[in-house]
Amino acid sequence: MTKYQDIPCCPDLNTAPICDVLDFRRHLIFPTTIRTEQGQMVQVEVIFHTRFTRCPGSLALGEIAYSTTLLPGEKVRLASTDRHTRFSFDSESKLSYRSEQISEEQYRMRALRAFMSDQNVEDSGSDHYSEQGKWDFHGDASGSLGFLSASAETNAKGSHSASSSRDYLRQHRAHAEMSDNQSVEATRMAHSISIGEVQSRSHAEGETSDHFESSSREFKNPNQCHAITFLFYRINKTETIKFELVSIERRVLDPVAPAPVPANPFRGVGQITTVPQEVPATSAKRLELQQAAINSETQLRATVLAPSTPQVGLSRAASFSPLLTATAVAPIAIQMPVADDLRVKALAEVDAKLLRQRMIDKPGGVVSTEIKAEIDYERQTSIPTAGVIVKSCLDDCNICEEEVQTREKLELTQLDLQNKLLAKQIDLLEKSQEY
């Protein structure tokens, strides 16, 4: 246990990047020539395990969000707003505050997961629902991020061979690259920032002036003959995204021992977002608002946790594995599991097909370097942050007449002479004190 006196005032902070990882698995069914004693065909399921890895990098200068030019003597009050900032004012307690929440990276991964889930919906063919409402989450200061509730596994319909599996893997790689690019563009579009001029004016209840005083800053040009231009740049964060084929797993589909079905998909509760609001403890409406919040939370949980109907559950199970429907009809007690020797023969047959397509390095082996070089890719990009950096530049053009410039020089000369006179007086005063 660390002692209190051993805790440093400024602890060391590790600057190593923390990478985000998203795993996806695609299930393809391979028919084989192996038959059981009952004449049933032994099927092998090939699972493509792919992975997205996103590692943040250093900060970078982004595009110009706003610019303004101030003439000599001008001043302006500018306010910046974005989807992360929310201003609140309580008229009873006269309390105002601003809350911020940064979620560009979470939004980026959420969008990537949602775009990749579009392929899940297309391949599974069981639940058709709009994917847009699932990733269009509220990552601002008035909402919650939610969870990545979409399943990362899917079962492609139909029977596959080694050639079709290689084509499917190429399509999956192209879909992943497209989803990567679209998620970056969606993040940039959603995280916009607005910088504009405001004026402090009186309001009947005071919220307007309080808002301006709380969320704005004043810029001024102190020069006499030169204009100043202020440039507001967005601060971006670089990142390295890597997509890789991790493994190609093979296993025999046994109707007696079916694989578990993925989790239920996301269930929408409506496109309504609540804005959190702090209520003072002395408020007369505290109990009423608290009871309304509890009732809303209870109803939301009841909607999300509602069990699925048996028809929907059976449809999802049939979508994940066609062999699961047989277990729902025939009693498991009269069925026999696939023998071990048949399992070995079926896996060997599928491995031979994959080896001919150079998808694995050897029978029972791992992913070959050739297919990894074809599927894997890595690129660098950047996403916006809530930060803004302000740069200023002085205009070279002089807008003053020669008489005005001469007057400015004379005033500066007069100030210089006054400083010299003051320094001389101080020097004489010190000498008089010595005498």
Foldseek 3Di string as FASTA:
>chain_A
DDDPVPDDPDDDDDPAWDKDKDKAKEKAKAWDPFADPVRHTWIKIKIWIKMKIKTWDAKDWADFQDKDKDDAFDKFKKFKDWQAWDWDADLVVRDIDIGGFWCLVLLLVLQLLLLLCVVQCVFLVQDDDDSVVRSVARRYNFFDSDDSQADRYHYGDDHDFLVVVLVVLLVSLVSSVVSNVVSQVVSQVRTHMDMDTDDQDDDPSRPRNVVSVVGIDMDTRNDDWWMKMKTKIFMKIKMKMKMFGDWIDMFIAKLLDHDDFDDDGFDDPDPDTGGDDDDDPPDPCPVVVVVVVVVVVVVVVCRRPPDDDPVSVVSSVCSRPVSPVVCVPDPSVPDDTDDPVSRVVNLQVRQVRNVVVQQADHRVGIGHPVSRVVRMDMDMDIHTTPDMDMDMDIDPDTRDDPVVVVVVVVVVVVVVVVVVVVVVVVVVVVVVVVD
